[in-house]
Amino acid sequence: MKSFKTKLKLNNKQKTLLAKHAGVARHAYNWGLATCISEYEATKKRPSAITLHKRLVAEVKSENPWYYEVSKCAPQQALRDLERAFKNFLTIKGRGFPKFKKKGKKDNFYLEGSIKILRGNYIKLPRIGIVKTYEILPNCRVKNVRIASFRGAFLSECCANANKTCR
């Protein structure tokens, strides 16, 4: 695996779409954390990411139509990240209990699927479209991308299969 990070050159519509994706991921994470806390207090068991996702689709998506404006990967990965945070808390000494996420603080989300690098400095992202980058990227087959907000700018970290054609 090979990864590369670059800053994205966005227009206002793309910034809004990326902020929506980050907002949905944050909402799913916070909802999952609240659900885990309440369920642990009631049954002394913590639900898995798969169980949380099934409940999210059944309970939350019907109440919040803005969940349908973004990719399904954003809330799914947020719940997987929550599960990993709980595992780290329980197994690694010194790790704190998972905290609720705040808007504007380390906003990020994850996408996978039909991600392509076009003409060197363009990335085609699902549900967002074609986004320009500041740097020329290697022509590789991209598996996934994590997009994070950092000081008002959006950075993308692409993970690609490392082979001889990836330069």
Protein backbone atom coordinates (compact mmCIF):
# COMPACT_ATOMS: atom_id res chain seq x y z
CA MET A 1 0.00 0.00 0.00
CA LYS A 2 1.12 3.51 -0.79
CA SER A 3 -0.50 6.71 0.41
CA PHE A 4 -0.10 10.33 -0.54
CA LYS A 5 -1.52 13.51 0.95
CA THR A 6 -2.39 16.68 -0.91
CA LYS A 7 -4.35 19.89 -0.47
CA LEU A 8 -7.58 20.24 -2.45
CA LYS A 9 -8.46 23.28 -4.58
CA LEU A 10 -12.24 23.65 -4.08
CA ASN A 11 -15.06 25.89 -5.21
CA ASN A 12 -17.86 26.91 -2.81
CA LYS A 13 -20.21 24.09 -3.83
CA GLN A 14 -17.50 21.48 -3.22
CA LYS A 15 -16.61 23.04 0.15
CA THR A 16 -20.27 22.77 1.16
CA LEU A 17 -20.46 19.11 0.08
CA LEU A 18 -17.29 18.23 1.99
CA ALA A 19 -18.58 20.05 5.08
CA LYS A 20 -21.84 18.06 4.82
CA HIS A 21 -19.90 14.80 4.64
CA ALA A 22 -17.85 15.77 7.69
CA GLY A 23 -21.02 16.82 9.53
CA VAL A 24 -22.77 13.52 8.85
CA ALA A 25 -19.68 11.57 9.97
CA ARG A 26 -19.51 13.64 13.17
CA HIS A 27 -23.23 13.19 13.84
CA ALA A 28 -23.02 9.42 13.31
CA TYR A 29 -19.99 9.18 15.63
CA ASN A 30 -21.66 11.24 18.38
CA TRP A 31 -24.96 9.34 18.03
CA GLY A 32 -23.06 6.04 18.19
CA LEU A 33 -21.12 7.14 21.28
CA ALA A 34 -24.32 8.22 23.06
CA THR A 35 -25.99 4.93 22.09
CA CYS A 36 -23.01 2.89 23.31
CA ILE A 37 -22.98 4.71 26.66
CA SER A 38 -26.71 4.28 27.25
CA GLU A 39 -26.71 0.63 26.14
CA TYR A 40 -23.68 -0.21 28.29
CA GLU A 41 -25.39 1.31 31.33
CA ALA A 42 -28.52 -0.75 30.65
CA THR A 43 -27.10 -4.14 29.59
CA LYS A 44 -23.35 -3.98 30.37
CA LYS A 45 -22.66 -4.79 26.69
CA ARG A 46 -21.37 -2.50 23.96
CA PRO A 47 -22.90 -2.82 20.46
CA SER A 48 -20.63 -3.45 17.47
CA ALA A 49 -20.21 -1.08 14.53
CA ILE A 50 -22.46 -3.28 12.37
CA THR A 51 -25.25 -3.25 14.96
CA LEU A 52 -24.90 0.51 15.35
CA HIS A 53 -25.08 1.00 11.58
CA LYS A 54 -28.27 -1.08 11.33
CA ARG A 55 -29.82 1.00 14.11
CA LEU A 56 -28.59 4.22 12.49
CA VAL A 57 -30.30 3.34 9.21
CA ALA A 58 -33.52 2.33 10.98
CA GLU A 59 -33.76 5.15 13.52
CA VAL A 60 -31.72 8.17 12.46
CA LYS A 61 -31.75 8.27 8.65
CA SER A 62 -35.55 8.43 8.51
CA GLU A 63 -35.56 11.45 10.85
CA ASN A 64 -32.68 13.28 9.16
CA PRO A 65 -33.09 13.60 5.37
CA TRP A 66 -29.66 15.27 5.04
CA TYR A 67 -28.06 11.84 5.56
CA TYR A 68 -29.12 10.99 2.00
CA GLU A 69 -27.18 13.94 0.52
CA VAL A 70 -23.81 12.33 1.30
CA SER A 71 -22.01 9.07 0.63
CA LYS A 72 -22.92 6.05 2.75
CA CYS A 73 -19.23 5.52 3.55
CA ALA A 74 -18.98 8.61 5.79
CA PRO A 75 -21.27 7.39 8.64
CA GLN A 76 -20.19 3.75 8.26
CA GLN A 77 -16.52 4.57 8.75
CA ALA A 78 -17.33 6.95 11.61
CA LEU A 79 -18.97 4.05 13.46
CA ARG A 80 -15.95 1.81 12.68
CA ASP A 81 -13.68 4.54 14.06
CA LEU A 82 -15.82 4.64 17.22
CA GLU A 83 -15.49 0.88 17.62
CA ARG A 84 -11.69 1.15 17.23
CA ALA A 85 -11.63 3.99 19.81
CA PHE A 86 -13.44 1.73 22.30
CA LYS A 87 -11.07 -1.18 21.59
CA ASN A 88 -8.06 1.10 22.09
CA PHE A 89 -9.56 2.40 25.36
CA LEU A 90 -10.04 -1.14 26.66
CA THR A 91 -6.74 -2.65 25.47
CA ILE A 92 -4.10 0.10 25.35
CA LYS A 93 -2.98 1.51 28.67
CA GLY A 94 -3.17 5.30 28.83
CA ARG A 95 -5.88 5.72 26.19
CA GLY A 96 -8.82 7.77 27.37
CA PHE A 97 -12.52 7.12 26.97
CA PRO A 98 -13.83 8.16 23.50
CA LYS A 99 -14.99 11.78 23.43
CA PHE A 100 -17.79 13.46 21.52
CA LYS A 101 -16.63 15.27 18.38
CA LYS A 102 -17.06 19.02 18.01
CA LYS A 103 -17.73 20.95 14.82
CA GLY A 104 -14.57 22.40 13.32
CA LYS A 105 -12.18 20.30 15.42
CA LYS A 106 -10.43 17.60 13.37
CA ASP A 107 -13.37 17.24 10.97
CA ASN A 108 -12.72 14.30 8.65
CA PHE A 109 -14.50 11.59 6.74
CA TYR A 110 -13.71 8.53 4.65
CA LEU A 111 -14.75 7.58 1.12
CA GLU A 112 -14.22 4.43 -0.89
CA GLY A 113 -15.50 3.03 -4.15
CA SER A 114 -15.10 4.59 -7.57
CA ILE A 115 -12.24 6.99 -6.82
CA LYS A 116 -10.07 7.84 -9.81
CA ILE A 117 -7.16 10.13 -10.53
CA LEU A 118 -7.74 12.06 -13.74
CA ARG A 119 -5.09 13.95 -15.72
CA GLY A 120 -2.65 14.11 -12.83
CA ASN A 121 -4.14 16.80 -10.62
CA TYR A 122 -7.85 15.89 -10.50
CA ILE A 123 -9.56 13.32 -8.27
CA LYS A 124 -13.03 11.97 -9.02
CA LEU A 125 -14.82 11.33 -5.71
CA PRO A 126 -18.18 9.59 -5.27
CA ARG A 127 -21.12 11.96 -4.55
CA ILE A 128 -18.79 14.99 -4.76
CA GLY A 129 -17.52 14.92 -8.31
CA ILE A 130 -14.21 16.00 -9.81
CA VAL A 131 -11.97 17.93 -7.41
CA LYS A 132 -8.73 19.69 -8.35
CA THR A 133 -5.57 19.27 -6.29
CA TYR A 134 -2.58 21.55 -5.85
CA GLU A 135 -0.11 18.79 -6.68
CA ILE A 136 0.17 16.30 -9.52
CA LEU A 137 -0.70 12.84 -8.28
CA PRO A 138 0.69 9.51 -9.50
CA ASN A 139 -1.51 7.57 -11.88
CA CYS A 140 -2.58 4.74 -9.53
CA ARG A 141 -5.66 2.80 -8.70
CA VAL A 142 -6.96 4.44 -5.50
CA LYS A 143 -8.65 2.22 -2.89
CA ASN A 144 -9.94 4.89 -0.50
CA VAL A 145 -9.50 8.47 0.57
CA ARG A 146 -9.79 10.22 3.92
CA ILE A 147 -10.53 13.93 3.68
CA ALA A 148 -9.78 16.18 6.63
CA SER A 149 -10.32 19.85 7.35
CA PHE A 150 -7.20 21.62 8.58
CA ARG A 151 -7.11 25.38 9.22
CA GLY A 152 -9.88 26.09 6.74
CA ALA A 153 -8.42 23.95 3.97
CA PHE A 154 -9.33 20.40 3.01
CA LEU A 155 -6.59 17.78 2.67
CA SER A 156 -7.02 14.41 1.01
CA GLU A 157 -5.06 11.32 1.94
CA CYS A 158 -5.36 8.69 -0.79
CA CYS A 159 -4.45 5.07 -0.24
CA ALA A 160 -3.41 3.21 -3.38
CA ASN A 161 -2.10 -0.22 -4.27
CA ALA A 162 1.65 -0.06 -4.63
CA ASN A 163 2.75 -1.55 -7.93
CA LYS A 164 5.30 -0.74 -10.62
CA THR A 165 2.92 1.59 -12.48
CA CYS A 166 2.35 3.76 -9.39
CA ARG A 167 4.93 6.55 -9.65
